[in-house]
């Protein structure tokens, strides 16, 4: 039996699909199932049971002997939320409880961290454990992820195998429910479809031209391949970056979207909102050597290939993965 928390969400539901495709059907999905739009991500997937996130730990106390692996993907991911108590409860407290349960019952754990922990990148984007204590995230969400990473590294009692994954800019199918927190590609597709054009933020940094702000965009299908690899690897515990290692510009992203939609490019620029301008990241790029060194060899989708697959096979007809 495999546990996936956040299973009705974007990455979690894609992971359930991957597990099904690999023949794993004894899956218990954990989430807050109150959002009908989000629950569409699980339609047609083969699972054993649904467990509300608030009832999970009593359930695990009763059923731990049946469990082989836990993917803790569930989290509050809203970077515009500033109520720290929400993150303390869902991202830190809940994950600590998960960690302690995995130690108690001898279960391996993979949990979701975030590239938001890197802040403005003052210390680079290296997943070296020594750097984690120095990082300065830009918002409460990033703080919560980094606070848990720091806590995990200090623990003497820990799961026999554990990995925290710093997801970079993940995009792909099953994010229809995410509204403003969906990927830039999702928003670009919808804006281009409705207006025939796309507006990007201007650069307010003289070192970058408009549209040449750079991010490490990683396709969700690559993310779940890494998750699946770790489920079988079960050694080399630690915190790992999960991006492509090749940053690309927002112009590259939008041009790829226009091309995948067979629509002529029409791109303009608007001011970055003043309230986020001083905390805007102009560059992120995952250092991926650490994951490669433990034996992960699969290639990541190029931005062009990922966008083409996402647009043509999922966004165009609103298909789920």
Protein backbone atom coordinates (compact mmCIF):
# COMPACT_ATOMS: atom_id res chain seq x y z
CA UNK A 1 0.00 0.00 0.00
CA UNK A 2 1.26 3.46 -0.98
CA UNK A 3 0.10 6.70 0.65
CA UNK A 4 -0.13 9.92 -1.36
CA UNK A 5 -1.10 13.10 0.50
CA UNK A 6 -2.28 16.07 -1.50
CA UNK A 7 -3.52 13.40 -3.87
CA UNK A 8 -6.38 15.43 -5.34
CA UNK A 9 -3.98 18.27 -6.13
CA UNK A 10 -1.76 18.96 -9.11
CA UNK A 11 1.41 16.95 -8.49
CA UNK A 12 -0.24 14.40 -6.19
CA UNK A 13 -2.87 13.35 -8.73
CA UNK A 14 -0.26 13.05 -11.50
CA UNK A 15 1.76 10.82 -9.17
CA UNK A 16 -1.28 8.59 -8.58
CA UNK A 17 -1.67 8.30 -12.36
CA UNK A 18 2.00 7.34 -12.73
CA UNK A 19 1.69 4.70 -10.01
CA UNK A 20 -1.40 3.27 -11.74
CA UNK A 21 0.44 3.13 -15.06
CA UNK A 22 3.22 1.17 -13.35
CA UNK A 23 0.73 -1.35 -11.96
CA UNK A 24 0.28 0.05 -8.43
CA UNK A 25 -3.40 0.17 -7.52
CA UNK A 26 -3.31 -0.27 -3.73
CA UNK A 27 -3.09 3.46 -3.11
CA UNK A 28 -4.64 5.44 -0.27
CA UNK A 29 -5.21 9.07 -1.24
CA UNK A 30 -5.19 11.73 1.47
CA UNK A 31 -6.45 15.29 1.05
CA UNK A 32 -9.14 17.81 1.88
CA UNK A 33 -11.75 16.58 -0.57
CA UNK A 34 -14.13 19.55 -0.22
CA UNK A 35 -13.26 21.12 -3.59
CA UNK A 36 -15.31 19.47 -6.41
CA UNK A 37 -13.10 20.99 -9.12
CA UNK A 38 -9.98 19.58 -7.49
CA UNK A 39 -11.56 16.14 -7.04
CA UNK A 40 -11.88 15.82 -10.84
CA UNK A 41 -8.13 15.09 -10.83
CA UNK A 42 -8.86 11.66 -9.29
CA UNK A 43 -11.68 10.56 -11.59
CA UNK A 44 -10.90 7.19 -13.18
CA UNK A 45 -7.85 6.50 -11.05
CA UNK A 46 -7.50 3.18 -9.24
CA UNK A 47 -7.28 3.67 -5.50
CA UNK A 48 -8.03 1.67 -2.36
CA UNK A 49 -9.45 4.41 -0.17
CA UNK A 50 -9.82 8.14 0.39
CA UNK A 51 -8.87 9.48 3.81
CA UNK A 52 -9.50 13.05 4.90
CA UNK A 53 -6.26 14.72 5.92
CA UNK A 54 -7.66 15.44 9.41
CA UNK A 55 -8.35 11.75 9.95
CA UNK A 56 -5.12 10.41 8.49
CA UNK A 57 -2.97 9.89 11.58
CA UNK A 58 -5.59 7.85 13.49
CA UNK A 59 -6.04 5.86 10.26
CA UNK A 60 -2.27 5.30 10.05
CA UNK A 61 -2.12 4.13 13.67
CA UNK A 62 -4.60 1.40 12.71
CA UNK A 63 -3.21 0.51 9.29
CA UNK A 64 0.54 1.19 9.38
CA UNK A 65 1.46 -2.48 8.89
CA UNK A 66 -0.14 -2.38 5.45
CA UNK A 67 1.82 0.69 4.30
CA UNK A 68 5.02 0.44 2.26
CA UNK A 69 5.74 4.05 1.28
CA UNK A 70 4.50 7.58 1.98
CA UNK A 71 4.60 10.49 -0.46
CA UNK A 72 3.71 13.62 1.48
CA UNK A 73 2.92 16.05 -1.34
CA UNK A 74 0.08 17.88 0.40
CA UNK A 75 0.77 21.45 1.56
CA UNK A 76 -0.62 24.96 1.60
CA UNK A 77 1.13 26.40 -1.46
CA UNK A 78 -0.35 29.90 -1.76
CA UNK A 79 2.60 32.31 -1.92
CA UNK A 80 0.22 35.26 -1.44
CA UNK A 81 -1.09 33.95 1.89
CA UNK A 82 0.38 35.83 4.84
CA UNK A 83 -1.40 34.15 7.75
CA UNK A 84 1.60 32.40 9.27
CA UNK A 85 -0.59 30.23 11.50
CA UNK A 86 -1.96 28.40 8.44
CA UNK A 87 1.54 27.45 7.31
CA UNK A 88 2.56 26.56 10.86
CA UNK A 89 -0.31 24.09 11.01
CA UNK A 90 -0.36 22.59 7.52
CA UNK A 91 3.23 22.85 6.30
CA UNK A 92 5.25 22.55 9.49
CA UNK A 93 3.15 20.90 12.21
CA UNK A 94 1.49 18.34 9.93
CA UNK A 95 4.78 17.41 8.26
CA UNK A 96 6.53 16.99 11.62
CA UNK A 97 3.72 14.66 12.65
CA UNK A 98 4.19 12.72 9.40
CA UNK A 99 7.95 12.48 9.96
CA UNK A 100 7.52 11.18 13.50
CA UNK A 101 4.92 8.63 12.40
CA UNK A 102 7.24 7.37 9.66
CA UNK A 103 10.04 6.97 12.20
CA UNK A 104 7.73 5.21 14.65
CA UNK A 105 6.39 2.73 12.10
CA UNK A 106 9.57 2.25 10.03
CA UNK A 107 8.18 3.84 6.87
CA UNK A 108 10.10 5.62 4.08
CA UNK A 109 9.05 9.21 3.39
CA UNK A 110 9.35 11.61 0.48
CA UNK A 111 7.99 15.10 1.15
CA UNK A 112 7.55 18.27 -0.87
CA UNK A 113 9.86 21.18 -0.15
CA UNK A 114 10.14 24.11 -2.55
CA UNK A 115 12.53 26.31 -4.50
CA UNK A 116 10.76 29.19 -2.73
CA UNK A 117 13.20 28.44 0.10
CA UNK A 118 15.98 30.05 -1.96
CA UNK A 119 14.49 33.56 -1.83
CA UNK A 120 16.33 35.92 -4.13
CA UNK A 121 19.09 33.37 -4.62
CA UNK A 122 21.69 35.23 -2.58
CA UNK A 123 23.31 31.89 -1.74
CA UNK A 124 22.77 30.29 -5.12
CA UNK A 125 20.58 27.28 -5.91
CA UNK A 126 22.72 24.45 -4.59
CA UNK A 127 20.95 21.76 -2.55
CA UNK A 128 23.93 21.41 -0.24
CA UNK A 129 22.64 20.89 3.32
CA UNK A 130 25.12 23.41 4.70
CA UNK A 131 23.42 26.26 2.83
CA UNK A 132 19.89 25.61 4.11
CA UNK A 133 20.38 27.35 7.45
CA UNK A 134 21.41 30.57 5.67
CA UNK A 135 18.53 30.84 3.18
CA UNK A 136 16.15 33.83 3.23
CA UNK A 137 12.75 33.00 1.69
CA UNK A 138 10.58 35.89 0.53
CA UNK A 139 7.21 34.91 1.99
CA UNK A 140 5.59 32.81 4.74
CA UNK A 141 5.13 29.87 2.36
CA UNK A 142 8.86 29.76 1.59
CA UNK A 143 9.65 30.23 5.28
CA UNK A 144 7.47 27.26 6.23
CA UNK A 145 9.20 24.98 3.75
CA UNK A 146 12.66 26.08 4.79
CA UNK A 147 11.80 25.86 8.50
CA UNK A 148 10.79 22.25 8.06
CA UNK A 149 13.93 21.44 6.04
CA UNK A 150 16.06 22.92 8.82
CA UNK A 151 14.13 20.95 11.44
CA UNK A 152 14.47 17.69 9.49
CA UNK A 153 18.23 18.01 9.20
CA UNK A 154 18.56 18.38 12.97
CA UNK A 155 16.59 15.24 13.84
CA UNK A 156 18.29 12.25 15.41
CA UNK A 157 15.15 10.11 15.10
CA UNK A 158 14.31 9.93 11.41
CA UNK A 159 12.76 7.57 8.84
CA UNK A 160 15.24 4.96 7.57
CA UNK A 161 14.88 6.66 4.18
CA UNK A 162 13.63 10.17 3.62
CA UNK A 163 13.93 12.81 0.92
CA UNK A 164 12.76 16.42 0.73
CA UNK A 165 12.32 17.70 -2.83
CA UNK A 166 12.70 21.37 -3.68
CA UNK A 167 10.24 21.70 -6.56
CA UNK A 168 11.08 24.54 -8.94
CA UNK A 169 8.48 25.97 -11.38
CA UNK A 170 6.34 22.91 -12.02
CA UNK A 171 3.77 23.03 -14.83
CA UNK A 172 1.52 20.50 -16.52
CA UNK A 173 -1.87 18.77 -16.48
CA UNK A 174 -4.25 18.62 -13.52
CA UNK A 175 -3.80 22.23 -12.40
CA UNK A 176 -7.21 23.45 -13.61
CA UNK A 177 -8.33 24.00 -10.00
CA UNK A 178 -5.38 26.19 -8.97
CA UNK A 179 -6.75 29.53 -10.18
CA UNK A 180 -4.16 32.32 -9.78
CA UNK A 181 -1.59 29.85 -8.36
CA UNK A 182 -1.53 27.81 -11.58
CA UNK A 183 1.58 27.88 -13.78
CA UNK A 184 2.42 30.75 -16.14
CA UNK A 185 1.87 28.38 -19.06
CA UNK A 186 -1.69 27.67 -17.89
CA UNK A 187 -2.40 31.41 -17.67
CA UNK A 188 -0.66 32.10 -20.97
CA UNK A 189 -2.78 29.51 -22.76
CA UNK A 190 -6.01 30.97 -21.39
CA UNK A 191 -5.02 34.58 -22.07
CA UNK A 192 -3.94 33.78 -25.63
CA UNK A 193 -7.09 31.75 -26.24
CA UNK A 194 -9.38 34.57 -25.07
CA UNK A 195 -7.49 37.61 -26.43
CA UNK A 196 -5.01 36.34 -29.03
CA UNK A 197 -2.25 38.04 -27.08
CA UNK A 198 -0.11 37.71 -23.94
CA UNK A 199 1.03 40.34 -21.46
CA UNK A 200 4.23 39.73 -19.52
CA UNK A 201 5.77 41.69 -16.67
CA UNK A 202 8.33 44.28 -17.61
CA UNK A 203 11.78 43.99 -16.13
CA UNK A 204 12.57 46.51 -13.39
CA UNK A 205 16.13 45.26 -13.16
CA UNK A 206 18.61 46.84 -15.60
CA UNK A 207 20.48 43.53 -15.91
CA UNK A 208 17.46 41.87 -17.57
CA UNK A 209 15.49 42.92 -20.64
CA UNK A 210 11.69 42.74 -20.64
CA UNK A 211 10.57 39.12 -20.77
CA UNK A 212 14.05 37.80 -20.15
CA UNK A 213 13.48 37.07 -16.49
CA UNK A 214 14.60 33.45 -16.10
CA UNK A 215 13.07 30.44 -14.33
CA UNK A 216 13.69 26.73 -14.13
CA UNK A 217 10.42 25.38 -15.56
CA UNK A 218 10.00 21.65 -14.96
CA UNK A 219 7.27 19.48 -16.50
CA UNK A 220 5.19 17.57 -13.97
CA UNK A 221 5.75 14.33 -15.89
CA UNK A 222 9.46 14.66 -15.07
CA UNK A 223 8.70 15.42 -11.42
CA UNK A 224 6.72 12.21 -10.99
CA UNK A 225 9.47 10.19 -12.68
CA UNK A 226 11.86 11.37 -9.96
CA UNK A 227 9.32 10.56 -7.25
CA UNK A 228 8.92 7.07 -8.69
CA UNK A 229 12.70 6.61 -8.83
CA UNK A 230 13.05 7.51 -5.15
CA UNK A 231 10.33 5.06 -4.17
CA UNK A 232 12.56 2.26 -5.45
CA UNK A 233 15.93 3.81 -4.55
CA UNK A 234 15.34 4.19 -0.79
CA UNK A 235 18.84 5.27 0.12
CA UNK A 236 20.92 8.47 0.10
CA UNK A 237 18.48 10.35 2.32
CA UNK A 238 18.54 14.13 2.10
CA UNK A 239 17.17 17.26 0.48
CA UNK A 240 17.28 17.48 -3.32
CA UNK A 241 16.52 20.06 -5.97
CA UNK A 242 13.94 19.10 -8.55
CA UNK A 243 14.11 21.27 -11.64
CA UNK A 244 15.61 20.71 -15.08
CA UNK A 245 18.91 22.44 -14.35
CA UNK A 246 18.35 24.62 -17.44
CA UNK A 247 16.69 27.97 -16.80
CA UNK A 248 14.65 29.57 -19.61
CA UNK A 249 13.10 32.99 -20.14
CA UNK A 250 9.44 33.90 -19.90
CA UNK A 251 9.67 34.93 -23.57
CA UNK A 252 10.79 31.39 -24.44
CA UNK A 253 7.84 30.03 -22.51
CA UNK A 254 5.24 32.28 -24.12
CA UNK A 255 6.64 31.84 -27.63
CA UNK A 256 6.47 28.06 -27.13
CA UNK A 257 2.85 28.42 -26.04
CA UNK A 258 1.89 30.48 -29.11
CA UNK A 259 3.62 27.92 -31.34
CA UNK A 260 1.86 24.96 -29.68
CA UNK A 261 -1.47 26.75 -30.17
CA UNK A 262 -0.67 27.58 -33.83
CA UNK A 263 -1.30 31.29 -33.15
CA UNK A 264 0.94 34.17 -34.28
CA UNK A 265 2.95 35.78 -31.49
CA UNK A 266 1.48 38.92 -29.93
CA UNK A 267 3.40 39.81 -26.77
CA UNK A 268 3.35 43.06 -24.80
CA UNK A 269 4.64 44.13 -21.40
CA UNK A 270 3.05 45.61 -18.30
CA UNK A 271 4.55 46.92 -15.07
CA UNK A 272 5.22 44.35 -12.36
CA UNK A 273 2.80 45.16 -9.51
CA UNK A 274 4.48 47.45 -6.98
CA UNK A 275 3.65 45.20 -4.03
CA UNK A 276 5.74 42.31 -5.38
CA UNK A 277 8.34 44.24 -7.36
CA UNK A 278 11.02 44.30 -4.67
CA UNK A 279 10.64 40.56 -4.02
CA UNK A 280 10.53 39.45 -7.64
CA UNK A 281 12.90 36.66 -8.64
CA UNK A 282 14.77 37.39 -11.87
CA UNK A 283 16.67 34.12 -11.96
CA UNK A 284 16.21 30.59 -10.63
CA UNK A 285 18.04 27.47 -11.81
CA UNK A 286 18.29 24.18 -9.99
CA UNK A 287 21.67 22.60 -9.48
CA UNK A 288 20.86 18.98 -10.32
CA UNK A 289 24.20 17.23 -9.80
CA UNK A 290 23.20 15.80 -6.41
CA UNK A 291 20.24 13.84 -7.81
CA UNK A 292 22.35 12.66 -10.75
CA UNK A 293 25.07 11.41 -8.41
CA UNK A 294 22.68 9.00 -6.68
CA UNK A 295 21.79 7.39 -9.99
CA UNK A 296 18.93 9.32 -11.61
CA UNK A 297 19.69 9.22 -15.34
CA UNK A 298 16.47 10.14 -17.19
CA UNK A 299 16.46 13.27 -19.31
CA UNK A 300 14.03 16.10 -18.59
CA UNK A 301 11.63 17.50 -21.18
CA UNK A 302 12.87 20.62 -22.93
CA UNK A 303 10.59 23.61 -22.36
CA UNK A 304 9.39 23.38 -25.97
CA UNK A 305 8.56 19.66 -25.72
CA UNK A 306 6.84 20.03 -22.34
CA UNK A 307 4.72 23.00 -23.43
CA UNK A 308 3.74 21.27 -26.68
CA UNK A 309 2.59 18.13 -24.84
CA UNK A 310 0.73 20.12 -22.19
CA UNK A 311 -1.06 22.40 -24.66
CA UNK A 312 -1.98 19.85 -27.30
CA UNK A 313 -2.86 16.86 -25.12
CA UNK A 314 -4.34 18.50 -22.01
CA UNK A 315 -5.12 22.23 -22.14
CA UNK A 316 -6.72 22.31 -25.60
CA UNK A 317 -9.48 19.85 -24.69
CA UNK A 318 -9.26 20.11 -20.90
CA UNK A 319 -8.01 16.57 -20.49
CA UNK A 320 -6.65 15.16 -17.23
CA UNK A 321 -3.54 13.06 -16.73
